[in-house]
Amino acid sequence: MKFEPVISEKTMGLAKDGKYTFRVEKSWNKFQIARIVEEQFAVHVTSVRTIKVPGEVKKTYTGRKRVILPGKKAIVTLKEKEKIDLFEETKK
C-alpha cells in the first residue's frame, strides 16, 4: 500500500488553504483515497482531485540514468478549520 505525503514549497502553500497532497496507488479511486485520509488523520474530506504522473528517465549529476516510475497524486481538500499537522511549518 503506497500512501505518502508530498512535501514541497508548492504543496506547503496549498496546505495553508486546506489542500493536502499525497502520492497514492495508481489503482485507487477518489472514494478510497478519501476514506484512507479520514481514517489516518481523523479529519473530514470534502473533495479529492487526482493527477496521473507519467514515468520518466532522468540523468543524475554523475551522469547515471535514474528511472522514475509512473504514479498518481491526490490533492485532498478538508472541511473548514481542519488541518493535518504533518504539513504545518515550524517557525525558527
C-alpha atoms as a PDB file:
ATOM      1  CA  MET A   1       0.000   0.000   0.000  1.00  0.00           C
ATOM      2  CA  LYS A   2       1.561   3.241  -1.143  1.00  0.00           C
ATOM      3  CA  PHE A   3       0.346   6.372   0.640  1.00  0.00           C
ATOM      4  CA  GLU A   4       2.822   9.145   1.380  1.00  0.00           C
ATOM      5  CA  PRO A   5       2.666  12.942   1.629  1.00  0.00           C
ATOM      6  CA  VAL A   6       4.311  15.157  -0.974  1.00  0.00           C
ATOM      7  CA  ILE A   7       6.342  17.861   0.789  1.00  0.00           C
ATOM      8  CA  SER A   8       7.478  20.764  -1.411  1.00  0.00           C
ATOM      9  CA  GLU A   9       7.164  24.542  -1.483  1.00  0.00           C
ATOM     10  CA  LYS A  10       4.070  24.347  -3.663  1.00  0.00           C
ATOM     11  CA  THR A  11       2.297  21.757  -1.501  1.00  0.00           C
ATOM     12  CA  MET A  12       3.118  23.695   1.678  1.00  0.00           C
ATOM     13  CA  GLY A  13       1.459  26.745   0.126  1.00  0.00           C
ATOM     14  CA  LEU A  14      -1.604  24.662  -0.757  1.00  0.00           C
ATOM     15  CA  ALA A  15      -1.687  23.299   2.803  1.00  0.00           C
ATOM     16  CA  LYS A  16      -2.316  26.816   4.113  1.00  0.00           C
ATOM     17  CA  ASP A  17      -5.567  26.790   2.092  1.00  0.00           C
ATOM     18  CA  GLY A  18      -6.601  23.382   3.475  1.00  0.00           C
ATOM     19  CA  LYS A  19      -5.466  21.345   0.437  1.00  0.00           C
ATOM     20  CA  TYR A  20      -3.052  18.483   1.114  1.00  0.00           C
ATOM     21  CA  THR A  21      -1.136  16.459  -1.491  1.00  0.00           C
ATOM     22  CA  PHE A  22      -0.375  12.739  -1.262  1.00  0.00           C
ATOM     23  CA  ARG A  23       1.265  10.195  -3.549  1.00  0.00           C
ATOM     24  CA  VAL A  24      -1.103   7.204  -3.786  1.00  0.00           C
ATOM     25  CA  GLU A  25      -1.501   3.870  -5.572  1.00  0.00           C
ATOM     26  CA  LYS A  26      -2.424   4.121  -9.250  1.00  0.00           C
ATOM     27  CA  SER A  27      -5.401   1.796  -8.818  1.00  0.00           C
ATOM     28  CA  TRP A  28      -7.117   3.771  -6.030  1.00  0.00           C
ATOM     29  CA  ASN A  29     -10.190   5.840  -6.818  1.00  0.00           C
ATOM     30  CA  LYS A  30     -11.311   9.084  -5.146  1.00  0.00           C
ATOM     31  CA  PHE A  31     -13.617   7.344  -2.661  1.00  0.00           C
ATOM     32  CA  GLN A  32     -10.841   5.037  -1.436  1.00  0.00           C
ATOM     33  CA  ILE A  33      -8.409   7.962  -1.101  1.00  0.00           C
ATOM     34  CA  ALA A  34     -10.940   9.996   0.907  1.00  0.00           C
ATOM     35  CA  ARG A  35     -11.664   7.064   3.229  1.00  0.00           C
ATOM     36  CA  ILE A  36      -7.970   6.388   3.883  1.00  0.00           C
ATOM     37  CA  VAL A  37      -7.185  10.064   4.641  1.00  0.00           C
ATOM     38  CA  GLU A  38     -10.164  10.262   7.019  1.00  0.00           C
ATOM     39  CA  GLU A  39      -9.054   7.097   8.844  1.00  0.00           C
ATOM     40  CA  GLN A  40      -5.365   8.049   9.067  1.00  0.00           C
ATOM     41  CA  PHE A  41      -5.749  11.655  10.236  1.00  0.00           C
ATOM     42  CA  ALA A  42      -9.274  11.790  11.793  1.00  0.00           C
ATOM     43  CA  VAL A  43     -10.469  14.627   9.539  1.00  0.00           C
ATOM     44  CA  HIS A  44     -13.414  15.185   7.163  1.00  0.00           C
ATOM     45  CA  VAL A  45     -12.614  15.233   3.423  1.00  0.00           C
ATOM     46  CA  THR A  46     -14.783  17.469   1.222  1.00  0.00           C
ATOM     47  CA  SER A  47     -13.178  16.806  -2.185  1.00  0.00           C
ATOM     48  CA  VAL A  48     -10.416  14.827  -3.866  1.00  0.00           C
ATOM     49  CA  ARG A  49      -8.640  15.730  -7.117  1.00  0.00           C
ATOM     50  CA  THR A  50      -6.326  13.197  -8.747  1.00  0.00           C
ATOM     51  CA  ILE A  51      -3.407  13.652 -11.139  1.00  0.00           C
ATOM     52  CA  LYS A  52      -1.634  10.939 -13.146  1.00  0.00           C
ATOM     53  CA  VAL A  53       2.140  11.412 -13.035  1.00  0.00           C
ATOM     54  CA  PRO A  54       3.979   9.975 -16.070  1.00  0.00           C
ATOM     55  CA  GLY A  55       7.168   8.000 -15.660  1.00  0.00           C
ATOM     56  CA  GLU A  56      10.448   9.357 -16.973  1.00  0.00           C
ATOM     57  CA  VAL A  57      14.189   8.755 -17.177  1.00  0.00           C
ATOM     58  CA  LYS A  58      16.450  11.440 -15.690  1.00  0.00           C
ATOM     59  CA  LYS A  59      20.197  11.829 -15.586  1.00  0.00           C
ATOM     60  CA  THR A  60      21.857  12.310 -12.224  1.00  0.00           C
ATOM     61  CA  TYR A  61      24.717  14.701 -11.539  1.00  0.00           C
ATOM     62  CA  THR A  62      27.222  11.893 -12.111  1.00  0.00           C
ATOM     63  CA  GLY A  63      25.676  11.031 -15.494  1.00  0.00           C
ATOM     64  CA  ARG A  64      23.874   7.864 -14.468  1.00  0.00           C
ATOM     65  CA  LYS A  65      20.309   7.277 -15.576  1.00  0.00           C
ATOM     66  CA  ARG A  66      17.572   7.136 -12.967  1.00  0.00           C
ATOM     67  CA  VAL A  67      14.107   5.745 -13.739  1.00  0.00           C
ATOM     68  CA  ILE A  68      11.169   7.495 -12.089  1.00  0.00           C
ATOM     69  CA  LEU A  69       8.141   5.220 -12.088  1.00  0.00           C
ATOM     70  CA  PRO A  70       4.695   6.470 -13.116  1.00  0.00           C
ATOM     71  CA  GLY A  71       2.217   7.077 -10.328  1.00  0.00           C
ATOM     72  CA  LYS A  72      -0.713   9.109  -9.084  1.00  0.00           C
ATOM     73  CA  LYS A  73      -1.067  12.150  -6.839  1.00  0.00           C
ATOM     74  CA  ALA A  74      -4.166  13.210  -4.943  1.00  0.00           C
ATOM     75  CA  ILE A  75      -4.984  16.717  -3.720  1.00  0.00           C
ATOM     76  CA  VAL A  76      -7.371  16.401  -0.775  1.00  0.00           C
ATOM     77  CA  THR A  77      -9.477  19.327   0.465  1.00  0.00           C
ATOM     78  CA  LEU A  78     -10.581  19.235   4.104  1.00  0.00           C
ATOM     79  CA  LYS A  79     -13.536  20.730   5.927  1.00  0.00           C
ATOM     80  CA  GLU A  80     -13.179  24.317   7.216  1.00  0.00           C
ATOM     81  CA  LYS A  81     -10.798  24.789  10.175  1.00  0.00           C
ATOM     82  CA  GLU A  82      -9.424  21.230   9.967  1.00  0.00           C
ATOM     83  CA  LYS A  83      -5.765  20.585   9.286  1.00  0.00           C
ATOM     84  CA  ILE A  84      -3.145  17.866   9.126  1.00  0.00           C
ATOM     85  CA  ASP A  85      -0.215  18.588  11.445  1.00  0.00           C
ATOM     86  CA  LEU A  86       2.222  16.783   9.145  1.00  0.00           C
ATOM     87  CA  PHE A  87       2.113  19.726   6.697  1.00  0.00           C
ATOM     88  CA  GLU A  88       2.498  22.524   9.254  1.00  0.00           C
ATOM     89  CA  GLU A  89       5.639  24.652   9.081  1.00  0.00           C
ATOM     90  CA  THR A  90       7.597  25.382  12.240  1.00  0.00           C
ATOM     91  CA  LYS A  91       8.947  28.867  12.888  1.00  0.00           C
ATOM     92  CA  LYS A  92      12.614  29.165  13.812  1.00  0.00           C
END
